[in-house]
Amino acid sequence: MRIPAAILLFSTVACAAAGAPAPVSSPRPAQSPAPAPFRARSFTVKVIGAGRPIIFIPGLACDGGIWDATVDHLAGKFQAHVVTLAGFAGSAPLDGEPLLPTAKAELIAYIQQNHLDRPILVGHSLGGFLAYWVAETAPALIGAAVAVDGAPNLGTLMDPTATSETIRARAEAFAAPLAAMPPEQFRAAIQGFLGRSIADPANATRVGTAASQSDPRTVSNAMLFLFTTDLRPELAKIQAPVLVVAADTNGEVPRRPLEASWRAQVDAIPRHEIVFVEHAKHFVMLDQPAAFQGALDRFLAGK
């Protein structure tokens, strides 16, 4: 069973505590300056609201704006930490280091050094990949994780019979030309993929416009890493509950092999569930926001 690449390809804060004031009658003791919050090089963060922290990670070439409706839906209940990865959607690229391994390490540092208490990770596509990776690398730090059409090993999700050599060859054949594309050709390629991955034309235009400002080399390298890295051997280390929200592909792939392929991806996670959303393409949260938000609400209840 081979899942269409267009459905799966596109695929993610400051925190300070104020001390109690000294009594008026007592002289104020000398205090050291508060430590600066951790600031990553591989991503930027916009913090919205207050409450239980949720880190939102968009997918390949996208900015954090893909989560706007979800953040609005959760307003008043959670504090949103909305990530945009370096080199995506007009942000400056990360020079000299691979994006995804650096982002994984810095997401862990961000949680630790900003004292986020067991945050929930919500990632789309590539962002879902990062959510699995952080959760298996630092299992005690994470309270829960949600992967929206994001897999631990994209290559075998698309083709369960493929070998690592076959996957790499396919990925290199697709990713290498992207890095060399002139800006106008790259913009057309990105917008074309997104147009086939988002059902609503207005959403496809909005997301595509932002994504087309991405750095081609960053997108190419991230895509290659995503296809050729397999997180499945370490998934059993994940302690947090995990929700996978998968698109039903609008009938492009029959449900039974689609479910079997997803189960093969995530069955090693000790506590997980898979929810399929009908009439959605790859951007489930944009194509079917009510269904997605309902699944998210049920999963987050009590967490």
Protein backbone atom coordinates (compact mmCIF):
# COMPACT_ATOMS: atom_id res chain seq x y z
CA MET A 1 0.00 0.00 0.00
CA ARG A 2 1.44 3.32 -1.03
CA ILE A 3 -0.01 6.51 0.40
CA PRO A 4 0.13 9.55 -1.93
CA ALA A 5 3.13 11.72 -1.13
CA ALA A 6 1.17 14.95 -1.54
CA ILE A 7 -0.99 13.97 1.44
CA LEU A 8 1.94 13.26 3.68
CA LEU A 9 4.79 15.47 2.55
CA PHE A 10 3.88 18.83 4.04
CA SER A 11 3.96 18.65 6.92
CA THR A 12 6.62 23.01 14.52
CA VAL A 13 8.47 32.15 25.19
CA ALA A 14 9.41 33.63 27.55
CA CYS A 15 8.46 32.39 31.01
CA ALA A 16 9.20 34.35 34.17
CA ALA A 17 8.13 34.06 37.76
CA ALA A 18 7.74 37.05 40.02
CA GLY A 19 8.83 36.64 43.61
CA ALA A 20 6.77 37.89 46.53
CA PRO A 21 7.68 41.44 47.62
CA ALA A 22 9.58 41.96 50.86
CA PRO A 23 7.62 43.45 53.81
CA VAL A 24 7.45 47.22 53.72
CA SER A 25 9.24 47.56 57.05
CA SER A 26 12.21 45.48 55.96
CA PRO A 27 14.98 46.61 53.67
CA ARG A 28 14.84 44.92 50.30
CA PRO A 29 17.61 42.31 50.10
CA ALA A 30 20.05 42.38 47.25
CA GLN A 31 18.84 40.15 44.44
CA SER A 32 20.56 38.61 41.51
CA PRO A 33 19.10 39.47 38.11
CA ALA A 34 16.49 36.98 36.96
CA PRO A 35 17.93 34.53 34.45
CA ALA A 36 17.06 35.30 30.85
CA PRO A 37 14.59 32.88 29.28
CA PHE A 38 16.04 30.31 26.93
CA ARG A 39 15.97 31.44 23.32
CA ALA A 40 16.56 28.91 20.60
CA ARG A 41 18.45 29.39 17.35
CA SER A 42 16.46 26.80 15.43
CA PHE A 43 13.01 28.27 16.05
CA THR A 44 11.11 31.29 17.29
CA VAL A 45 8.15 31.17 19.66
CA LYS A 46 5.05 33.29 20.15
CA VAL A 47 3.42 32.84 23.58
CA ILE A 48 -0.31 33.42 23.90
CA GLY A 49 -2.49 33.25 27.01
CA ALA A 50 -2.06 31.48 30.32
CA GLY A 51 -2.62 28.01 31.71
CA ARG A 52 -1.26 24.56 30.98
CA PRO A 53 1.47 24.93 28.32
CA ILE A 54 0.95 23.52 24.83
CA ILE A 55 3.77 23.72 22.28
CA PHE A 56 2.46 23.91 18.71
CA ILE A 57 4.87 22.82 15.95
CA PRO A 58 3.97 23.33 12.28
CA GLY A 59 5.04 21.19 9.39
CA LEU A 60 7.53 21.52 6.57
CA ALA A 61 7.90 25.09 5.25
CA CYS A 62 4.95 26.34 7.30
CA ASP A 63 4.77 28.94 10.03
CA GLY A 64 2.89 28.85 13.32
CA GLY A 65 -0.11 30.53 11.74
CA ILE A 66 -1.50 27.14 10.72
CA TRP A 67 -2.48 26.74 14.39
CA ASP A 68 -4.38 30.04 14.74
CA ALA A 69 -7.86 28.49 14.83
CA THR A 70 -6.74 25.79 17.26
CA VAL A 71 -5.12 28.34 19.56
CA ASP A 72 -8.29 30.46 19.50
CA HIS A 73 -10.38 27.37 20.28
CA LEU A 74 -8.28 26.57 23.36
CA ALA A 75 -8.07 30.18 24.60
CA GLY A 76 -8.66 30.53 28.32
CA LYS A 77 -7.70 26.93 29.04
CA PHE A 78 -4.09 26.61 27.90
CA GLN A 79 -1.02 28.71 27.26
CA ALA A 80 0.05 28.38 23.63
CA HIS A 81 3.72 28.34 22.66
CA VAL A 82 3.56 28.60 18.87
CA VAL A 83 6.77 27.62 17.09
CA THR A 84 8.10 28.60 13.67
CA LEU A 85 11.21 26.70 12.60
CA ALA A 86 14.27 28.50 11.24
CA GLY A 87 14.29 28.82 7.47
CA PHE A 88 10.55 28.29 7.09
CA ALA A 89 7.99 30.87 5.97
CA GLY A 90 10.43 33.77 5.73
CA SER A 91 12.33 33.17 8.97
CA ALA A 92 16.11 33.25 8.85
CA PRO A 93 17.72 29.85 8.19
CA LEU A 94 19.96 28.10 10.68
CA ASP A 95 23.51 28.15 9.37
CA GLY A 96 26.02 25.39 9.92
CA GLU A 97 23.81 22.90 11.77
CA PRO A 98 21.11 20.43 10.71
CA LEU A 99 17.69 21.91 11.47
CA LEU A 100 15.72 18.98 12.85
CA PRO A 101 18.30 17.51 15.28
CA THR A 102 19.02 21.03 16.53
CA ALA A 103 15.32 21.79 16.91
CA LYS A 104 14.78 18.57 18.85
CA ALA A 105 17.58 19.38 21.28
CA GLU A 106 16.47 22.99 21.64
CA LEU A 107 12.83 22.08 22.22
CA ILE A 108 13.98 19.97 25.17
CA ALA A 109 16.17 22.84 26.42
CA TYR A 110 13.27 25.27 25.95
CA ILE A 111 11.02 23.13 28.14
CA GLN A 112 13.69 22.65 30.81
CA GLN A 113 15.13 26.15 31.02
CA ASN A 114 11.78 27.93 30.83
CA HIS A 115 10.40 25.59 33.52
CA LEU A 116 7.39 24.40 31.53
CA ASP A 117 5.55 21.81 33.61
CA ARG A 118 4.96 18.69 31.49
CA PRO A 119 3.80 20.56 28.39
CA ILE A 120 1.63 19.04 25.70
CA LEU A 121 3.21 18.83 22.25
CA VAL A 122 0.98 19.29 19.20
CA GLY A 123 2.69 18.88 15.85
CA HIS A 124 1.56 18.68 12.24
CA SER A 125 3.41 16.43 9.79
CA LEU A 126 7.10 17.27 10.33
CA GLY A 127 5.97 18.86 13.60
CA GLY A 128 4.41 15.55 14.60
CA PHE A 129 7.72 13.83 13.83
CA LEU A 130 9.42 16.25 16.21
CA ALA A 131 6.77 15.63 18.85
CA TYR A 132 7.49 11.87 18.79
CA TRP A 133 11.22 12.53 18.85
CA VAL A 134 11.11 14.85 21.86
CA ALA A 135 8.74 12.51 23.70
CA GLU A 136 10.99 9.47 23.25
CA THR A 137 14.21 11.40 23.96
CA ALA A 138 13.01 13.16 27.13
CA PRO A 139 9.98 11.11 28.23
CA ALA A 140 9.74 12.54 31.76
CA LEU A 141 9.38 16.10 30.44
CA ILE A 142 6.25 15.61 28.33
CA GLY A 143 2.66 15.48 29.57
CA ALA A 144 1.04 14.39 26.29
CA ALA A 145 1.62 14.55 22.54
CA VAL A 146 -0.60 14.96 19.50
CA ALA A 147 0.64 14.17 15.99
CA VAL A 148 -1.56 15.48 13.19
CA ASP A 149 -0.90 13.37 10.09
CA GLY A 150 2.70 13.03 11.23
CA ALA A 151 4.52 9.69 11.30
CA PRO A 152 7.62 8.36 13.09
CA ASN A 153 8.94 7.04 9.75
CA LEU A 154 7.42 8.76 6.75
CA GLY A 155 9.12 6.58 4.19
CA THR A 156 7.50 3.33 5.35
CA LEU A 157 4.14 4.99 5.97
CA MET A 158 4.05 5.86 2.29
CA ASP A 159 5.32 2.43 1.24
CA PRO A 160 5.51 -0.27 3.97
CA THR A 161 7.52 -2.57 1.67
CA ALA A 162 10.26 -0.02 0.93
CA THR A 163 13.80 -0.58 2.13
CA SER A 164 15.90 2.17 3.68
CA GLU A 165 17.97 2.29 0.48
CA THR A 166 14.88 2.70 -1.68
CA ILE A 167 13.48 5.39 0.59
CA ARG A 168 16.72 7.35 0.52
CA ALA A 169 16.98 7.16 -3.26
CA ARG A 170 13.43 8.43 -3.68
CA ALA A 171 13.91 11.19 -1.14
CA GLU A 172 17.19 12.38 -2.67
CA ALA A 173 15.63 12.40 -6.13
CA PHE A 174 12.89 14.69 -4.88
CA ALA A 175 14.74 16.85 -2.34
CA ALA A 176 17.92 17.63 -4.28
CA PRO A 177 16.24 19.61 -7.08
CA LEU A 178 14.39 21.74 -4.52
CA ALA A 179 17.62 23.09 -3.07
CA ALA A 180 18.77 24.29 -6.49
CA MET A 181 15.50 25.87 -7.63
CA PRO A 182 15.45 29.60 -8.35
CA PRO A 183 13.01 31.51 -6.12
CA GLU A 184 10.09 31.70 -8.55
CA GLN A 185 10.26 28.01 -9.39
CA PHE A 186 10.54 27.08 -5.72
CA ARG A 187 7.51 29.22 -4.84
CA ALA A 188 5.47 27.54 -7.56
CA ALA A 189 6.52 24.06 -6.38
CA ILE A 190 5.64 24.75 -2.75
CA GLN A 191 2.31 26.32 -3.59
CA GLY A 192 1.49 23.43 -5.88
CA PHE A 193 2.11 20.84 -3.17
CA LEU A 194 0.12 22.75 -0.63
CA GLY A 195 -2.70 23.25 -3.07
CA ARG A 196 -3.01 19.47 -3.30
CA SER A 197 -2.69 19.01 0.46
CA ILE A 198 -5.35 21.47 1.68
CA ALA A 199 -9.00 21.18 0.69
CA ASP A 200 -10.05 24.82 0.99
CA PRO A 201 -8.53 27.07 -1.73
CA ALA A 202 -8.44 30.12 0.55
CA ASN A 203 -6.47 28.21 3.19
CA ALA A 204 -4.19 26.76 0.51
CA THR A 205 -3.42 30.26 -0.80
CA ARG A 206 -2.78 31.68 2.67
CA VAL A 207 -0.54 28.84 3.81
CA GLY A 208 1.19 28.59 0.44
CA THR A 209 2.02 32.29 0.36
CA ALA A 210 3.83 32.03 3.69
CA ALA A 211 5.52 28.71 2.89
CA SER A 212 6.80 29.96 -0.44
CA GLN A 213 9.05 32.39 1.45
CA SER A 214 11.00 29.47 2.95
CA ASP A 215 14.68 28.86 2.33
CA PRO A 216 14.92 26.16 -0.39
CA ARG A 217 18.03 24.49 1.03
CA THR A 218 16.48 24.29 4.51
CA VAL A 219 13.32 22.73 3.09
CA SER A 220 15.32 20.25 1.01
CA ASN A 221 17.54 19.14 3.89
CA ALA A 222 14.62 18.87 6.32
CA MET A 223 12.64 16.81 3.82
CA LEU A 224 15.53 14.43 3.27
CA PHE A 225 16.04 13.99 7.01
CA LEU A 226 12.32 13.42 7.57
CA PHE A 227 12.11 10.69 4.95
CA THR A 228 15.27 8.85 5.97
CA THR A 229 15.04 8.90 9.78
CA ASP A 230 13.19 6.14 11.60
CA LEU A 231 12.02 6.92 15.15
CA ARG A 232 10.17 3.64 15.63
CA PRO A 233 12.92 1.71 17.47
CA GLU A 234 12.71 4.14 20.44
CA LEU A 235 8.94 4.76 20.57
CA ALA A 236 8.48 2.34 23.48
CA LYS A 237 10.34 4.86 25.68
CA ILE A 238 7.48 7.36 25.41
CA GLN A 239 5.68 7.66 28.75
CA ALA A 240 3.07 10.26 27.82
CA PRO A 241 -0.23 9.44 26.14
CA VAL A 242 -0.15 10.10 22.39
CA LEU A 243 -3.00 10.97 20.04
CA VAL A 244 -2.53 10.47 16.31
CA VAL A 245 -5.03 12.39 14.17
CA ALA A 246 -4.85 11.03 10.63
CA ALA A 247 -6.56 12.12 7.43
CA ASP A 248 -8.69 9.46 5.79
CA THR A 249 -7.28 10.59 2.38
CA ASN A 250 -10.79 11.08 0.95
CA GLY A 251 -10.87 7.49 -0.24
CA GLU A 252 -7.58 7.67 -2.14
CA VAL A 253 -6.40 4.79 0.03
CA PRO A 254 -8.88 2.17 1.35
CA ARG A 255 -9.42 2.46 5.10
CA ARG A 256 -8.22 -1.02 6.06
CA PRO A 257 -4.67 -0.76 4.62
CA LEU A 258 -4.50 2.87 5.75
CA GLU A 259 -5.27 1.86 9.35
CA ALA A 260 -2.82 -1.04 9.15
CA SER A 261 -0.06 1.27 7.96
CA TRP A 262 -0.67 3.74 10.79
CA ARG A 263 -0.80 0.96 13.40
CA ALA A 264 2.56 -0.32 12.17
CA GLN A 265 3.94 3.17 12.73
CA VAL A 266 2.75 3.80 16.31
CA ASP A 267 1.82 0.49 17.97
CA ALA A 268 5.08 0.52 19.93
CA ILE A 269 3.92 3.60 21.87
CA PRO A 270 2.63 2.28 25.22
CA ARG A 271 -0.38 4.62 25.44
CA HIS A 272 -1.76 5.82 22.16
CA GLU A 273 -4.91 6.19 20.13
CA ILE A 274 -5.54 6.89 16.46
CA VAL A 275 -8.44 9.01 15.22
CA PHE A 276 -9.22 9.19 11.51
CA VAL A 277 -10.89 12.36 10.27
CA GLU A 278 -13.04 11.98 7.19
CA HIS A 279 -13.15 14.44 4.29
CA ALA A 280 -9.76 15.86 5.21
CA LYS A 281 -6.54 16.15 3.31
CA HIS A 282 -3.13 16.45 4.95
CA PHE A 283 -3.91 19.66 6.86
CA VAL A 284 -6.61 18.07 9.00
CA MET A 285 -6.94 21.00 11.40
CA LEU A 286 -7.69 23.35 8.48
CA ASP A 287 -9.87 21.02 6.41
CA GLN A 288 -12.08 19.75 9.25
CA PRO A 289 -11.55 22.10 12.21
CA ALA A 290 -14.65 21.02 14.16
CA ALA A 291 -13.78 17.33 13.94
CA PHE A 292 -10.14 17.99 14.77
CA GLN A 293 -10.94 20.26 17.71
CA GLY A 294 -13.45 17.74 19.05
CA ALA A 295 -10.85 14.96 18.99
CA LEU A 296 -8.33 17.28 20.63
CA ASP A 297 -10.77 18.31 23.36
CA ARG A 298 -11.60 14.71 24.21
CA PHE A 299 -7.94 13.79 24.40
CA LEU A 300 -6.97 16.81 26.52
CA ALA A 301 -9.82 16.39 29.01
CA GLY A 302 -8.27 15.77 32.41
CA LYS A 303 -4.68 16.11 31.21
